[in-house]
Protein backbone atom coordinates (compact mmCIF):
# COMPACT_ATOMS: atom_id res chain seq x y z
CA MET A 1 -20.02 2.21 25.07
CA ASN A 2 -23.21 4.26 24.60
CA GLU A 3 -22.37 6.44 27.59
CA ILE A 4 -18.78 6.91 26.49
CA ILE A 5 -19.90 8.11 23.05
CA LYS A 6 -22.55 10.34 24.61
CA ASN A 7 -20.12 11.90 27.09
CA SER A 8 -17.22 12.15 24.65
CA TYR A 9 -19.02 13.21 21.45
CA SER A 10 -22.49 14.37 22.56
CA LEU A 11 -23.99 11.71 20.28
CA HIS A 12 -27.00 9.60 21.23
CA VAL A 13 -26.51 6.02 20.04
CA ILE A 14 -29.41 3.99 18.70
CA GLY A 15 -27.49 0.93 17.53
CA TYR A 16 -24.36 -0.59 16.02
CA ILE A 17 -23.64 -2.52 12.82
CA LYS A 18 -20.40 -4.50 12.77
CA VAL A 19 -18.60 -3.88 9.46
CA THR A 20 -15.25 -5.53 10.22
CA LYS A 21 -13.45 -6.76 13.31
CA LYS A 22 -12.40 -3.20 14.14
CA VAL A 23 -14.99 -1.04 12.36
CA PHE A 24 -18.59 -0.34 13.39
CA LYS A 25 -21.30 1.72 11.74
CA VAL A 26 -22.95 3.66 14.55
CA LYS A 27 -26.54 4.82 14.16
CA CYS A 28 -27.23 7.89 16.28
CA GLN A 29 -30.08 10.32 16.60
CA GLU A 30 -27.76 12.81 14.93
CA GLY A 31 -26.98 10.54 11.94
CA PHE A 32 -24.59 7.73 11.01
CA PHE A 33 -20.96 7.61 12.12
CA SER A 34 -17.97 5.30 11.74
CA LEU A 35 -16.17 3.99 14.82
CA LYS A 36 -12.82 2.28 14.39
CA PHE A 37 -10.58 0.67 17.00
CA VAL A 38 -6.84 1.21 16.45
CA ASP A 39 -3.69 -0.35 17.87
CA ASP A 40 -1.26 2.44 17.04
CA THR A 41 -1.60 5.71 18.95
CA SER A 42 0.63 7.50 16.41
CA LEU A 43 -2.58 8.33 14.55
CA THR A 44 -2.81 11.41 16.77
CA VAL A 45 0.44 12.77 15.35
CA VAL A 46 -0.67 11.95 11.80
CA ILE A 47 -3.98 13.79 12.22
CA ASP A 48 -2.14 16.79 13.62
CA HIS A 49 -0.01 16.81 10.44
CA ILE A 50 -3.09 16.48 8.22
CA GLU A 51 -4.91 19.31 9.96
CA SER A 52 -1.85 21.56 10.14
CA LEU A 53 -1.23 21.16 6.41
CA HIS A 54 -4.96 21.50 5.61
CA LEU A 55 -4.94 18.31 3.54
CA LYS A 56 -8.32 17.84 1.89
CA CYS A 57 -8.09 14.26 0.63
CA PHE A 58 -9.11 12.43 3.82
CA VAL A 59 -12.31 11.86 5.74
CA PRO A 60 -12.49 14.34 8.66
CA ILE A 61 -11.92 12.90 12.13
CA ILE A 62 -14.24 13.99 14.95
CA ARG A 63 -12.38 15.11 18.07
CA ASN A 64 -13.91 14.21 21.42
CA CYS A 65 -14.91 16.68 24.12
CA ASN A 66 -11.29 16.83 25.28
CA LYS A 67 -10.18 17.80 21.75
CA GLN A 68 -8.44 14.43 21.42
CA ILE A 69 -8.41 12.15 18.37
CA LEU A 70 -8.55 8.86 20.28
CA THR A 71 -11.02 7.87 22.99
CA ASN A 72 -10.49 5.11 25.55
CA TYR A 73 -12.86 2.15 25.82
CA GLN A 74 -11.80 -0.50 28.33
CA ASP A 75 -8.23 -1.42 27.21
CA LYS A 76 -8.77 -0.17 23.65
CA LYS A 77 -8.75 3.12 21.78
CA PHE A 78 -11.02 4.24 18.96
CA TYR A 79 -11.72 7.23 16.76
CA MET A 80 -14.91 8.42 15.10
CA CYS A 81 -15.70 10.10 11.81
CA PRO A 82 -18.80 10.69 9.67
CA TRP A 83 -20.12 7.57 7.94
CA LEU A 84 -19.67 7.89 4.19
CA ASN A 85 -21.45 5.49 1.84
CA ASP A 86 -19.30 3.45 -0.51
CA ASP A 87 -19.68 4.29 -4.20
CA ASN A 88 -19.39 0.77 -5.60
CA VAL A 89 -21.14 1.74 -8.81
CA ILE A 90 -18.04 3.66 -9.96
CA ILE A 91 -15.79 1.45 -12.07
CA LYS A 92 -12.54 0.45 -10.43
CA GLU A 93 -10.32 1.93 -13.13
CA LEU A 94 -11.67 5.40 -12.31
CA LYS A 95 -11.23 4.77 -8.60
CA LEU A 96 -7.63 3.75 -9.22
CA LYS A 97 -6.95 6.90 -11.21
CA PHE A 98 -8.47 9.02 -8.43
CA TYR A 99 -6.43 7.12 -5.84
CA TYR A 100 -3.15 8.01 -7.54
CA GLU A 101 -4.25 11.60 -7.90
CA CYS A 102 -4.79 11.62 -4.12
CA LEU A 103 -1.36 10.08 -3.58
CA SER A 104 0.37 12.62 -5.80
CA TYR A 105 -1.39 15.43 -3.90
CA LEU A 106 -0.51 13.90 -0.51
CA HIS A 107 3.13 13.32 -1.38
CA ALA A 108 3.73 16.63 -3.12
CA THR A 109 2.18 18.57 -0.25
CA THR A 110 4.17 16.84 2.50
CA PHE A 111 7.65 16.33 1.01
CA PHE A 112 10.61 17.22 3.23
CA ASN A 113 14.31 16.31 3.32
CA TYR A 114 15.62 14.25 6.21
CA SER A 115 19.24 13.62 7.23
CA VAL A 116 19.95 9.92 7.77
CA ALA A 117 22.49 8.04 9.85
CA LYS A 118 25.71 6.90 8.19
CA ASN A 119 24.61 3.26 8.11
CA TYR A 120 21.06 3.96 6.88
CA PHE A 121 21.63 2.98 3.24
CA LYS A 122 23.80 0.01 4.22
CA CYS A 123 21.08 -1.43 6.46
CA GLN A 124 18.39 -0.72 3.87
CA ILE A 125 20.34 -2.46 1.10
CA GLU A 126 21.13 -5.47 3.29
CA GLU A 127 17.45 -5.86 4.14
CA ILE A 128 16.33 -5.69 0.50
CA ASN A 129 19.09 -8.06 -0.55
CA GLY A 130 17.86 -10.51 2.09
CA ILE A 131 14.31 -10.32 0.73
CA ILE A 132 15.52 -10.94 -2.84
CA HIS A 133 17.46 -13.98 -1.64
CA GLU A 134 14.41 -15.33 0.20
CA ARG A 135 12.25 -14.97 -2.93
CA MET A 136 14.89 -16.75 -5.02
CA VAL A 137 14.98 -19.65 -2.58
CA TYR A 138 11.17 -19.75 -2.39
CA TYR A 139 10.58 -19.92 -6.14
CA ASN A 140 13.55 -22.24 -6.73
CA GLU A 141 12.02 -24.73 -4.28
CA ILE A 142 8.70 -24.62 -6.15
CA MET A 143 10.56 -25.19 -9.41
CA ASN A 144 12.40 -28.19 -7.96
CA ASN A 145 9.12 -29.68 -6.74
CA PHE A 146 7.45 -29.36 -10.15
CA GLU A 147 10.51 -30.61 -12.08
CA VAL A 148 10.53 -34.04 -10.43
CA LEU A 149 6.83 -34.74 -10.99
CA ALA A 150 6.01 -37.37 -13.59
CA TYR A 151 2.66 -35.66 -14.15
CA ARG A 152 2.36 -31.92 -13.94
CA SER A 153 -0.87 -30.04 -13.42
CA PRO A 154 -1.66 -27.06 -15.69
CA THR A 155 -0.30 -24.85 -12.93
CA GLY A 156 2.89 -26.90 -12.87
CA TRP A 157 3.42 -26.45 -16.61
CA MET A 158 2.66 -22.71 -16.35
CA PHE A 159 5.27 -22.39 -13.62
CA VAL A 160 7.99 -24.50 -15.24
CA LEU A 161 7.64 -22.79 -18.61
CA ASN A 162 7.84 -19.33 -17.04
CA TYR A 163 10.37 -19.93 -14.29
CA HIS A 164 13.13 -18.35 -16.39
CA ARG A 165 11.13 -15.09 -16.33
CA ILE A 166 10.83 -15.21 -12.53
CA GLU A 167 14.56 -15.90 -12.24
CA TRP A 168 15.39 -13.05 -14.64
CA CYS A 169 13.20 -10.62 -12.70
CA LEU A 170 14.85 -11.39 -9.36
CA ASN A 171 18.31 -11.17 -10.90
CA LYS A 172 17.31 -7.80 -12.35
CA ALA A 173 16.31 -6.71 -8.84
CA LYS A 174 19.83 -7.55 -7.62
CA GLU A 175 21.35 -5.64 -10.53
CA LEU A 176 19.20 -2.57 -9.80
CA LEU A 177 20.01 -2.80 -6.10
CA GLN A 178 23.72 -2.68 -6.95
CA GLU A 179 23.14 0.36 -9.15
CA TYR A 180 21.17 1.97 -6.30
CA GLU A 181 23.99 1.22 -3.86
CA ASN A 182 26.55 2.81 -6.16
CA TYR A 183 24.45 5.97 -6.49
CA VAL A 184 23.56 6.54 -2.81
CA CYS A 185 27.05 5.92 -1.43
CA ASN A 186 27.68 9.67 -1.13
CA LEU A 187 24.17 10.74 -0.10
CA ASP A 188 23.26 11.69 3.47
CA THR A 189 19.62 12.78 3.06
CA ILE A 190 16.40 11.21 1.83
CA ARG A 191 13.09 12.75 0.79
CA LEU A 192 10.19 11.73 3.01
CA CYS A 193 6.47 12.46 3.02
CA LEU A 194 3.19 11.17 4.40
CA THR A 195 2.27 7.83 2.82
CA TYR A 196 -1.19 6.25 2.88
CA ASN A 197 -0.20 2.54 3.02
CA ASN A 198 -3.75 1.20 3.00
CA PHE A 199 -4.93 0.63 -0.56
CA SER A 200 -8.40 -0.85 -0.96
CA TYR A 201 -11.10 0.05 -3.46
CA SER A 202 -13.55 0.35 -0.54
CA HIS A 203 -11.36 3.12 0.93
CA ILE A 204 -11.70 5.29 -2.18
CA LEU A 205 -14.83 7.45 -2.13
CA MET A 206 -14.89 9.53 -5.28
CA LYS A 207 -18.30 11.06 -4.62
CA GLU A 208 -16.99 12.41 -1.32
CA ASN A 209 -13.62 13.27 -2.92
CA CYS A 210 -11.65 11.58 -0.16
CA LEU A 211 -9.95 8.47 1.23
CA ILE A 212 -11.10 6.77 4.42
CA SER A 213 -9.35 4.39 6.85
CA ILE A 214 -6.39 6.65 7.53
CA ASP A 215 -4.85 4.88 10.52
CA GLN A 216 -2.05 3.30 8.43
CA ILE A 217 -0.60 6.65 7.33
CA LYS A 218 3.12 6.85 8.01
CA ILE A 219 6.11 9.06 7.20
CA ASN A 220 8.12 7.20 4.58
CA LEU A 221 9.59 7.32 1.08
CA CYS A 222 6.85 8.14 -1.41
CA ILE A 223 7.60 5.10 -3.58
CA TYR A 224 6.46 2.69 -0.86
CA ASP A 225 2.84 3.62 -1.51
CA ILE A 226 3.30 2.18 -4.99
CA TYR A 227 5.47 -0.76 -3.99
CA ASN A 228 3.22 -1.95 -1.16
CA MET A 229 0.16 -1.84 -3.37
CA TYR A 230 1.60 -3.91 -6.20
CA GLN A 231 3.15 -6.50 -3.94
CA LYS A 232 -0.37 -7.46 -2.87
CA ILE A 233 -1.39 -8.52 -6.40
CA PRO A 234 -4.95 -7.17 -6.06
CA GLU A 235 -7.95 -9.06 -7.37
CA LEU A 236 -8.43 -6.70 -10.29
CA ILE A 237 -5.58 -6.75 -12.77
CA PHE A 238 -4.64 -3.31 -14.06
CA ASP A 239 -1.87 -1.64 -16.02
CA PHE A 240 1.09 0.21 -14.58
CA ASP A 241 0.37 2.84 -17.22
CA VAL A 242 -2.36 4.15 -14.93
CA ILE A 243 0.29 5.08 -12.39
CA LEU A 244 2.37 6.85 -14.96
CA ASP A 245 -0.58 8.89 -16.18
CA SER A 246 -2.03 9.75 -12.76
CA TYR A 247 1.03 9.90 -10.53
CA PHE A 248 4.36 10.24 -12.30
CA CYS A 249 3.13 13.08 -14.47
CA LYS A 250 2.73 15.12 -11.26
CA ILE A 251 5.54 13.73 -9.10
CA LYS A 252 9.11 13.84 -10.38
CA LEU A 253 11.01 11.12 -8.60
CA LEU A 254 14.63 11.63 -7.60
CA LYS A 255 17.10 9.31 -9.29
CA GLU A 256 17.64 7.26 -6.13
CA GLU A 257 13.87 6.93 -5.69
CA ARG A 258 13.44 5.70 -9.27
CA LEU A 259 16.23 3.16 -8.88
CA LEU A 260 14.83 1.89 -5.59
CA LEU A 261 11.29 1.66 -6.99
CA GLN A 262 12.52 -0.27 -10.03
CA CYS A 263 14.42 -2.63 -7.77
CA LEU A 264 11.51 -3.22 -5.40
CA LEU A 265 9.01 -3.84 -8.18
CA HIS A 266 11.30 -6.55 -9.57
CA VAL A 267 11.09 -8.31 -6.21
CA ILE A 268 8.26 -10.58 -7.30
CA PRO A 269 5.38 -11.04 -4.85
CA ILE A 270 4.98 -14.44 -3.22
CA ILE A 271 2.10 -16.56 -4.47
CA GLU A 272 0.97 -19.51 -2.36
CA LEU A 273 -0.14 -22.45 -4.48
CA GLY A 274 -2.53 -24.89 -2.82
CA ASN A 275 -4.78 -27.82 -3.69
CA ASP A 276 -7.35 -25.76 -5.58
CA GLU A 277 -6.14 -25.96 -9.19
CA VAL A 278 -8.53 -23.30 -10.45
CA ASN A 279 -7.29 -20.85 -7.83
CA ASN A 280 -3.68 -21.82 -8.61
CA ILE A 281 -4.20 -21.00 -12.29
CA ILE A 282 -5.67 -17.62 -11.34
CA LEU A 283 -2.67 -16.87 -9.10
CA MET A 284 -0.22 -17.89 -11.80
CA SER A 285 -2.05 -15.78 -14.39
CA ARG A 286 -1.80 -12.75 -12.15
CA LEU A 287 1.88 -13.39 -11.56
CA LEU A 288 2.54 -13.64 -15.29
CA TYR A 289 0.67 -10.41 -15.86
CA TYR A 290 2.80 -8.83 -13.13
CA LEU A 291 5.94 -9.95 -14.99
CA ASP A 292 4.62 -8.42 -18.22
CA SER A 293 3.90 -5.16 -16.44
CA ILE A 294 7.37 -5.07 -14.90
CA SER A 295 8.94 -5.42 -18.33
CA SER A 296 6.89 -2.50 -19.67
CA LEU A 297 7.39 -0.33 -16.59
CA ASN A 298 11.13 -0.85 -16.54
CA LYS A 299 11.38 0.86 -19.93
CA LYS A 300 9.21 3.79 -18.89
CA LEU A 301 11.06 4.33 -15.60
CA SER A 302 14.35 4.90 -17.40
CA ILE A 303 16.87 7.02 -15.54
CA ASP A 304 18.09 10.24 -17.14
């Protein structure tokens, strides 16, 4: 590996620190660098887009001596970039606000219209409808299990007493999906852009004014950056209002995008309850907060 980095990047390696399974901090005579192994070679196309559009919100990638983004190592590929120190001292609410400012900049700068196949919306709607049905079955099974218990744990009572809210939310998703279907029936184009798809507080470096870990960037509907993030139910609970202040004030969603986002956010994330009652209560509390946020957001995402 040392020789490959020396020949490809003219860097003289002193040592490596394993950060994750795929990421290494590389100490060189020239300074510290990040090395990340990737599975998807489409990163090359993404970087070409980023550089062509002069996007300033991402960590710069170092091209090798052949002017390529990816470098071969055995049967793997990796890329390198400068090592940037994490700014953990910055409170997460500020990082979140900065993150959505980066997303609004990324989306607004890369928007383009794309003609879709005749069956695009049909296939999309069928897929979402299938997911809604799966969630209904999943949560109904949990409800049935708790209902027959002679003694319910605190988690069991939390679930049973709030199941009607879960059911309402998923039914609302079906209703919004029908409204979306009625609206897009005569459309033949969608608005696409670059999406980041890799939310993590450790990826947000405010001091450096950029996002790192860019290998999940894809071309997609802008709303999926929001949907994918909230389906994860992150460890820190936060308000949807932050999105509205930092993102929606700069990005005006199309009606079909608003409808689809509303629908997707009503597709409640799956929580997996186990034997740890304390952890179960935490998961249920987050889910209930999610339901509260959905109720508030649904009013603010009203369609004109």
